[in-house]
Amino acid sequence: MNTKIQSFIAISDIVSLMNMCSGFISIIMSINHDFYLASIFMIFSLLFDSVDGLIARKTNRNDEFSFGKNIDSLSDVISFGVAPAIFLYAFSSANANYLEIPTLLVSLFIIICGVLRLTRYNAISDKVKGFIGFPIPGIAIIMATYYLSGLFNIYIALILAIIVSIAMICNKSYEKFDNLYLLILNTLCLLCIVFQIPINIGFVNGAALIVLLTSLTYLFINLIKG
């Protein structure tokens, strides 16, 4: 058996690593209290995560040893578990240090639920269609767009983080988000955010608000349905 690292890595894995790198930079930005860039790099993580699977299929990736699945999940833990958790904790530490302990506990809860969500997904992905539990990228995109929208409130953010974390480990089925028109609209909005193309409604960033509302609708509609 060839155990050299280069025999495992495919193009799609490099994209997954770019997801992880973006998540790590987001963490550093949060530590430095640059919450704008922390949010932007969480969005970069989402964009990379959105295309790695597509690239794997287009290149006919043969993932015999589940190397790609594992590198994707480990990258997601950093970008969509640790990054939004550190974002919340660092924001609280900088702006509402009296909430430091509650925010620490919520941040830890995000990571625990994220790891459980990804582990369950890897265990059942070959047996179940769609998702069981809210997909982990959702917590990062909700926190990032909520902050970028200009409406960010730490109390509401903590409540949302708890709800999303519980949703990640719930037993509800979440169908893949495949509404073409909404996908195009949200992709355009994310690109407007990244390239700083202003779509403002007063003091509110309209592009971030659209992505936030889409994400929250996807979260709650699936969470409350029977």
C-alpha atoms as a PDB file:
ATOM      1  CA  MET A   1       0.000   0.000   0.000  1.00  0.00           C
ATOM      2  CA  ASN A   2       1.312   3.437  -0.982  1.00  0.00           C
ATOM      3  CA  THR A   3       1.261   5.624   2.135  1.00  0.00           C
ATOM      4  CA  LYS A   4       2.884   8.742   0.659  1.00  0.00           C
ATOM      5  CA  ILE A   5       0.766  11.821   1.307  1.00  0.00           C
ATOM      6  CA  GLN A   6       0.784  12.807  -2.377  1.00  0.00           C
ATOM      7  CA  SER A   7      -0.982   9.564  -3.273  1.00  0.00           C
ATOM      8  CA  PHE A   8      -4.003  10.669  -1.210  1.00  0.00           C
ATOM      9  CA  ILE A   9      -4.339  14.369  -2.050  1.00  0.00           C
ATOM     10  CA  ALA A  10      -6.585  15.415  -4.933  1.00  0.00           C
ATOM     11  CA  ILE A  11      -7.512  18.848  -6.304  1.00  0.00           C
ATOM     12  CA  SER A  12     -10.730  18.863  -4.267  1.00  0.00           C
ATOM     13  CA  ASP A  13      -8.689  18.311  -1.091  1.00  0.00           C
ATOM     14  CA  ILE A  14      -6.644  21.432  -1.841  1.00  0.00           C
ATOM     15  CA  VAL A  15      -9.923  23.352  -2.025  1.00  0.00           C
ATOM     16  CA  SER A  16     -10.926  21.858   1.349  1.00  0.00           C
ATOM     17  CA  LEU A  17      -7.595  23.049   2.744  1.00  0.00           C
ATOM     18  CA  MET A  18      -8.362  26.538   1.411  1.00  0.00           C
ATOM     19  CA  ASN A  19     -11.607  26.306   3.381  1.00  0.00           C
ATOM     20  CA  MET A  20      -9.578  25.409   6.484  1.00  0.00           C
ATOM     21  CA  CYS A  21      -7.032  28.194   5.859  1.00  0.00           C
ATOM     22  CA  SER A  22      -9.835  30.751   5.555  1.00  0.00           C
ATOM     23  CA  GLY A  23     -11.314  29.493   8.816  1.00  0.00           C
ATOM     24  CA  PHE A  24      -7.959  29.777  10.571  1.00  0.00           C
ATOM     25  CA  ILE A  25      -7.450  33.341   9.312  1.00  0.00           C
ATOM     26  CA  SER A  26     -10.961  34.172  10.524  1.00  0.00           C
ATOM     27  CA  ILE A  27      -9.962  32.935  13.983  1.00  0.00           C
ATOM     28  CA  ILE A  28      -6.843  35.123  13.960  1.00  0.00           C
ATOM     29  CA  MET A  29      -8.905  38.142  12.860  1.00  0.00           C
ATOM     30  CA  SER A  30     -11.354  37.525  15.724  1.00  0.00           C
ATOM     31  CA  ILE A  31      -8.486  37.312  18.210  1.00  0.00           C
ATOM     32  CA  ASN A  32      -7.250  40.648  16.832  1.00  0.00           C
ATOM     33  CA  HIS A  33     -10.799  42.042  17.206  1.00  0.00           C
ATOM     34  CA  ASP A  34     -11.154  42.650  13.474  1.00  0.00           C
ATOM     35  CA  PHE A  35     -14.655  41.212  13.303  1.00  0.00           C
ATOM     36  CA  TYR A  36     -15.319  42.491   9.795  1.00  0.00           C
ATOM     37  CA  LEU A  37     -12.465  40.481   8.303  1.00  0.00           C
ATOM     38  CA  ALA A  38     -13.279  37.540  10.566  1.00  0.00           C
ATOM     39  CA  SER A  39     -16.752  37.498   9.010  1.00  0.00           C
ATOM     40  CA  ILE A  40     -15.397  37.871   5.474  1.00  0.00           C
ATOM     41  CA  PHE A  41     -13.070  34.902   5.912  1.00  0.00           C
ATOM     42  CA  MET A  42     -15.909  32.760   7.245  1.00  0.00           C
ATOM     43  CA  ILE A  43     -17.690  33.558   3.989  1.00  0.00           C
ATOM     44  CA  PHE A  44     -14.564  32.559   2.049  1.00  0.00           C
ATOM     45  CA  SER A  45     -14.642  29.253   3.921  1.00  0.00           C
ATOM     46  CA  LEU A  46     -18.238  28.712   2.853  1.00  0.00           C
ATOM     47  CA  LEU A  47     -17.426  29.464  -0.787  1.00  0.00           C
ATOM     48  CA  PHE A  48     -14.535  26.980  -0.805  1.00  0.00           C
ATOM     49  CA  ASP A  49     -16.658  24.383   0.992  1.00  0.00           C
ATOM     50  CA  SER A  50     -19.406  24.830  -1.587  1.00  0.00           C
ATOM     51  CA  VAL A  51     -17.200  23.830  -4.505  1.00  0.00           C
ATOM     52  CA  ASP A  52     -14.908  21.091  -3.174  1.00  0.00           C
ATOM     53  CA  GLY A  53     -17.559  18.401  -3.590  1.00  0.00           C
ATOM     54  CA  LEU A  54     -18.396  19.649  -7.077  1.00  0.00           C
ATOM     55  CA  ILE A  55     -14.730  19.524  -8.047  1.00  0.00           C
ATOM     56  CA  ALA A  56     -14.425  16.004  -6.633  1.00  0.00           C
ATOM     57  CA  ARG A  57     -17.335  14.859  -8.825  1.00  0.00           C
ATOM     58  CA  LYS A  58     -16.135  16.660 -11.936  1.00  0.00           C
ATOM     59  CA  THR A  59     -12.648  15.158 -11.585  1.00  0.00           C
ATOM     60  CA  ASN A  60     -14.043  11.672 -10.828  1.00  0.00           C
ATOM     61  CA  ARG A  61     -12.297  11.562  -7.468  1.00  0.00           C
ATOM     62  CA  ASN A  62     -11.704   7.993  -6.279  1.00  0.00           C
ATOM     63  CA  ASP A  63     -11.841   8.363  -2.502  1.00  0.00           C
ATOM     64  CA  GLU A  64     -11.235   4.725  -1.615  1.00  0.00           C
ATOM     65  CA  PHE A  65      -9.903   5.449   1.866  1.00  0.00           C
ATOM     66  CA  SER A  66     -12.292   8.361   2.656  1.00  0.00           C
ATOM     67  CA  PHE A  67      -9.343  10.764   2.726  1.00  0.00           C
ATOM     68  CA  GLY A  68     -11.415  13.485   1.054  1.00  0.00           C
ATOM     69  CA  LYS A  69     -14.363  13.002   3.418  1.00  0.00           C
ATOM     70  CA  ASN A  70     -12.066  13.243   6.447  1.00  0.00           C
ATOM     71  CA  ILE A  71     -10.130  16.287   5.278  1.00  0.00           C
ATOM     72  CA  ASP A  72     -13.412  18.027   4.451  1.00  0.00           C
ATOM     73  CA  SER A  73     -14.854  17.301   7.907  1.00  0.00           C
ATOM     74  CA  LEU A  74     -11.684  18.324   9.753  1.00  0.00           C
ATOM     75  CA  SER A  75     -11.593  21.573   7.769  1.00  0.00           C
ATOM     76  CA  ASP A  76     -15.264  22.179   8.572  1.00  0.00           C
ATOM     77  CA  VAL A  77     -14.600  21.778  12.304  1.00  0.00           C
ATOM     78  CA  ILE A  78     -12.124  24.658  12.129  1.00  0.00           C
ATOM     79  CA  SER A  79     -14.037  26.932   9.744  1.00  0.00           C
ATOM     80  CA  PHE A  80     -17.613  26.338  10.866  1.00  0.00           C
ATOM     81  CA  GLY A  81     -17.125  25.181  14.450  1.00  0.00           C
ATOM     82  CA  VAL A  82     -14.108  26.888  15.969  1.00  0.00           C
ATOM     83  CA  ALA A  83     -14.187  30.093  13.861  1.00  0.00           C
ATOM     84  CA  PRO A  84     -17.730  31.219  14.776  1.00  0.00           C
ATOM     85  CA  ALA A  85     -17.166  30.108  18.386  1.00  0.00           C
ATOM     86  CA  ILE A  86     -14.012  32.230  18.695  1.00  0.00           C
ATOM     87  CA  PHE A  87     -15.789  35.066  16.867  1.00  0.00           C
ATOM     88  CA  LEU A  88     -18.539  35.151  19.490  1.00  0.00           C
ATOM     89  CA  TYR A  89     -16.168  34.818  22.427  1.00  0.00           C
ATOM     90  CA  ALA A  90     -13.781  37.502  21.129  1.00  0.00           C
ATOM     91  CA  PHE A  91     -16.646  39.894  20.386  1.00  0.00           C
ATOM     92  CA  SER A  92     -18.048  39.406  23.868  1.00  0.00           C
ATOM     93  CA  SER A  93     -14.611  39.830  25.415  1.00  0.00           C
ATOM     94  CA  ALA A  94     -14.076  43.101  23.530  1.00  0.00           C
ATOM     95  CA  ASN A  95     -17.559  44.594  23.834  1.00  0.00           C
ATOM     96  CA  ALA A  96     -19.421  42.895  26.690  1.00  0.00           C
ATOM     97  CA  ASN A  97     -16.916  41.273  29.024  1.00  0.00           C
ATOM     98  CA  TYR A  98     -19.610  40.737  31.675  1.00  0.00           C
ATOM     99  CA  LEU A  99     -20.907  38.025  29.293  1.00  0.00           C
ATOM    100  CA  GLU A 100     -17.531  36.331  29.034  1.00  0.00           C
ATOM    101  CA  ILE A 101     -18.454  33.149  30.934  1.00  0.00           C
ATOM    102  CA  PRO A 102     -21.866  32.615  29.277  1.00  0.00           C
ATOM    103  CA  THR A 103     -20.296  33.267  25.869  1.00  0.00           C
ATOM    104  CA  LEU A 104     -17.491  30.835  26.638  1.00  0.00           C
ATOM    105  CA  LEU A 105     -20.055  28.129  27.401  1.00  0.00           C
ATOM    106  CA  VAL A 106     -22.069  28.890  24.258  1.00  0.00           C
ATOM    107  CA  SER A 107     -18.889  28.876  22.162  1.00  0.00           C
ATOM    108  CA  LEU A 108     -17.907  25.493  23.577  1.00  0.00           C
ATOM    109  CA  PHE A 109     -21.436  24.234  22.880  1.00  0.00           C
ATOM    110  CA  ILE A 110     -21.077  25.269  19.214  1.00  0.00           C
ATOM    111  CA  ILE A 111     -17.887  23.240  18.840  1.00  0.00           C
ATOM    112  CA  ILE A 112     -19.260  20.157  20.635  1.00  0.00           C
ATOM    113  CA  CYS A 113     -22.441  20.125  18.550  1.00  0.00           C
ATOM    114  CA  GLY A 114     -20.471  20.780  15.382  1.00  0.00           C
ATOM    115  CA  VAL A 115     -18.175  17.821  16.004  1.00  0.00           C
ATOM    116  CA  LEU A 116     -21.134  15.572  16.829  1.00  0.00           C
ATOM    117  CA  ARG A 117     -22.962  16.760  13.694  1.00  0.00           C
ATOM    118  CA  LEU A 118     -20.008  16.029  11.400  1.00  0.00           C
ATOM    119  CA  THR A 119     -19.250  12.668  13.012  1.00  0.00           C
ATOM    120  CA  ARG A 120     -22.834  11.510  12.603  1.00  0.00           C
ATOM    121  CA  TYR A 121     -22.850  12.716   9.000  1.00  0.00           C
ATOM    122  CA  ASN A 122     -19.714  10.718   8.177  1.00  0.00           C
ATOM    123  CA  ALA A 123     -21.177   7.630   9.831  1.00  0.00           C
ATOM    124  CA  ILE A 124     -24.476   7.702   7.901  1.00  0.00           C
ATOM    125  CA  SER A 125     -23.767   9.675   4.705  1.00  0.00           C
ATOM    126  CA  ASP A 126     -23.676   6.539   2.561  1.00  0.00           C
ATOM    127  CA  LYS A 127     -27.002   5.343   3.949  1.00  0.00           C
ATOM    128  CA  VAL A 128     -29.166   8.484   4.173  1.00  0.00           C
ATOM    129  CA  LYS A 129     -30.121  11.057   1.558  1.00  0.00           C
ATOM    130  CA  GLY A 130     -29.996  14.704   2.504  1.00  0.00           C
ATOM    131  CA  PHE A 131     -28.956  15.841   5.966  1.00  0.00           C
ATOM    132  CA  ILE A 132     -29.951  14.853   9.481  1.00  0.00           C
ATOM    133  CA  GLY A 133     -29.585  17.999  11.531  1.00  0.00           C
ATOM    134  CA  PHE A 134     -28.763  21.515  10.378  1.00  0.00           C
ATOM    135  CA  PRO A 135     -25.579  21.601   8.237  1.00  0.00           C
ATOM    136  CA  ILE A 136     -22.599  22.985  10.168  1.00  0.00           C
ATOM    137  CA  PRO A 137     -21.675  25.750   7.657  1.00  0.00           C
ATOM    138  CA  GLY A 138     -24.940  27.406   8.669  1.00  0.00           C
ATOM    139  CA  ILE A 139     -23.658  28.583  12.062  1.00  0.00           C
ATOM    140  CA  ALA A 140     -20.725  30.401  10.433  1.00  0.00           C
ATOM    141  CA  ILE A 141     -22.767  32.025   7.677  1.00  0.00           C
ATOM    142  CA  ILE A 142     -25.457  33.131  10.136  1.00  0.00           C
ATOM    143  CA  MET A 143     -22.920  34.712  12.514  1.00  0.00           C
ATOM    144  CA  ALA A 144     -20.943  36.322   9.661  1.00  0.00           C
ATOM    145  CA  THR A 145     -23.904  37.819   7.794  1.00  0.00           C
ATOM    146  CA  TYR A 146     -25.609  38.864  11.026  1.00  0.00           C
ATOM    147  CA  TYR A 147     -22.518  40.871  11.940  1.00  0.00           C
ATOM    148  CA  LEU A 148     -22.028  42.271   8.425  1.00  0.00           C
ATOM    149  CA  SER A 149     -25.699  43.243   8.153  1.00  0.00           C
ATOM    150  CA  GLY A 150     -25.140  46.017  10.681  1.00  0.00           C
ATOM    151  CA  LEU A 151     -27.842  44.639  12.981  1.00  0.00           C
ATOM    152  CA  PHE A 152     -25.602  42.566  15.249  1.00  0.00           C
ATOM    153  CA  ASN A 153     -26.622  42.207  18.879  1.00  0.00           C
ATOM    154  CA  ILE A 154     -24.597  39.927  21.156  1.00  0.00           C
ATOM    155  CA  TYR A 155     -27.644  38.748  23.127  1.00  0.00           C
ATOM    156  CA  ILE A 156     -29.554  37.731  20.010  1.00  0.00           C
ATOM    157  CA  ALA A 157     -26.370  36.210  18.575  1.00  0.00           C
ATOM    158  CA  LEU A 158     -25.970  33.991  21.634  1.00  0.00           C
ATOM    159  CA  ILE A 159     -29.598  32.852  21.450  1.00  0.00           C
ATOM    160  CA  LEU A 160     -29.217  32.103  17.729  1.00  0.00           C
ATOM    161  CA  ALA A 161     -25.987  30.200  18.398  1.00  0.00           C
ATOM    162  CA  ILE A 162     -27.728  27.974  20.942  1.00  0.00           C
ATOM    163  CA  ILE A 163     -30.677  27.318  18.611  1.00  0.00           C
ATOM    164  CA  VAL A 164     -28.411  26.520  15.655  1.00  0.00           C
ATOM    165  CA  SER A 165     -26.205  24.248  17.768  1.00  0.00           C
ATOM    166  CA  ILE A 166     -29.217  22.272  18.968  1.00  0.00           C
ATOM    167  CA  ALA A 167     -30.494  22.113  15.379  1.00  0.00           C
ATOM    168  CA  MET A 168     -27.183  20.607  14.266  1.00  0.00           C
ATOM    169  CA  ILE A 169     -27.616  17.584  16.533  1.00  0.00           C
ATOM    170  CA  CYS A 170     -31.390  17.232  16.253  1.00  0.00           C
ATOM    171  CA  ASN A 171     -33.001  14.335  14.406  1.00  0.00           C
ATOM    172  CA  LYS A 172     -34.834  16.515  11.887  1.00  0.00           C
ATOM    173  CA  SER A 173     -34.233  15.930   8.184  1.00  0.00           C
ATOM    174  CA  TYR A 174     -32.804  18.885   6.268  1.00  0.00           C
ATOM    175  CA  GLU A 175     -33.145  18.624   2.518  1.00  0.00           C
ATOM    176  CA  LYS A 176     -30.237  19.926   0.496  1.00  0.00           C
ATOM    177  CA  PHE A 177     -30.677  23.584  -0.335  1.00  0.00           C
ATOM    178  CA  ASP A 178     -31.208  23.332  -4.084  1.00  0.00           C
ATOM    179  CA  ASN A 179     -33.532  26.193  -5.038  1.00  0.00           C
ATOM    180  CA  LEU A 180     -31.645  27.451  -8.088  1.00  0.00           C
ATOM    181  CA  TYR A 181     -32.941  31.032  -7.965  1.00  0.00           C
ATOM    182  CA  LEU A 182     -32.185  31.438  -4.272  1.00  0.00           C
ATOM    183  CA  LEU A 183     -28.763  29.848  -4.748  1.00  0.00           C
ATOM    184  CA  ILE A 184     -27.931  32.333  -7.502  1.00  0.00           C
ATOM    185  CA  LEU A 185     -29.290  35.267  -5.477  1.00  0.00           C
ATOM    186  CA  ASN A 186     -27.354  34.299  -2.351  1.00  0.00           C
ATOM    187  CA  THR A 187     -24.162  33.624  -4.314  1.00  0.00           C
ATOM    188  CA  LEU A 188     -24.412  37.082  -5.894  1.00  0.00           C
ATOM    189  CA  CYS A 189     -25.019  38.602  -2.463  1.00  0.00           C
ATOM    190  CA  LEU A 190     -21.968  36.829  -1.020  1.00  0.00           C
ATOM    191  CA  LEU A 191     -19.843  38.079  -3.915  1.00  0.00           C
ATOM    192  CA  CYS A 192     -21.147  41.623  -3.325  1.00  0.00           C
ATOM    193  CA  ILE A 193     -20.096  41.306   0.318  1.00  0.00           C
ATOM    194  CA  VAL A 194     -16.633  39.956  -0.523  1.00  0.00           C
ATOM    195  CA  PHE A 195     -15.977  42.590  -3.197  1.00  0.00           C
ATOM    196  CA  GLN A 196     -17.547  45.341  -1.077  1.00  0.00           C
ATOM    197  CA  ILE A 197     -20.201  46.254  -3.629  1.00  0.00           C
ATOM    198  CA  PRO A 198     -22.644  48.334  -1.576  1.00  0.00           C
ATOM    199  CA  ILE A 199     -26.299  47.282  -1.503  1.00  0.00           C
ATOM    200  CA  ASN A 200     -27.389  49.314   1.481  1.00  0.00           C
ATOM    201  CA  ILE A 201     -30.829  49.917   2.934  1.00  0.00           C
ATOM    202  CA  GLY A 202     -30.107  52.811   5.269  1.00  0.00           C
ATOM    203  CA  PHE A 203     -27.434  51.548   7.644  1.00  0.00           C
ATOM    204  CA  VAL A 204     -28.210  47.895   6.833  1.00  0.00           C
ATOM    205  CA  ASN A 205     -26.095  45.867   4.408  1.00  0.00           C
ATOM    206  CA  GLY A 206     -28.813  44.509   2.124  1.00  0.00           C
ATOM    207  CA  ALA A 207     -26.700  41.712   0.647  1.00  0.00           C
ATOM    208  CA  ALA A 208     -25.773  40.349   4.093  1.00  0.00           C
ATOM    209  CA  LEU A 209     -29.379  40.670   5.255  1.00  0.00           C
ATOM    210  CA  ILE A 210     -30.664  38.607   2.306  1.00  0.00           C
ATOM    211  CA  VAL A 211     -28.218  35.772   3.028  1.00  0.00           C
ATOM    212  CA  LEU A 212     -29.001  35.934   6.742  1.00  0.00           C
ATOM    213  CA  LEU A 213     -32.766  35.752   6.202  1.00  0.00           C
ATOM    214  CA  THR A 214     -32.385  32.911   3.699  1.00  0.00           C
ATOM    215  CA  SER A 215     -30.249  30.954   6.171  1.00  0.00           C
ATOM    216  CA  LEU A 216     -32.648  31.556   9.061  1.00  0.00           C
ATOM    217  CA  THR A 217     -35.634  30.546   6.922  1.00  0.00           C
ATOM    218  CA  TYR A 218     -33.879  27.313   5.949  1.00  0.00           C
ATOM    219  CA  LEU A 219     -33.048  26.704   9.627  1.00  0.00           C
ATOM    220  CA  PHE A 220     -36.495  27.271  11.099  1.00  0.00           C
ATOM    221  CA  ILE A 221     -38.719  25.854   8.343  1.00  0.00           C
ATOM    222  CA  ASN A 222     -36.960  22.501   8.548  1.00  0.00           C
ATOM    223  CA  LEU A 223     -36.696  22.645  12.348  1.00  0.00           C
ATOM    224  CA  ILE A 224     -40.406  23.163  12.989  1.00  0.00           C
ATOM    225  CA  LYS A 225     -41.856  20.962  10.264  1.00  0.00           C
ATOM    226  CA  GLY A 226     -43.189  17.544  11.252  1.00  0.00           C
END
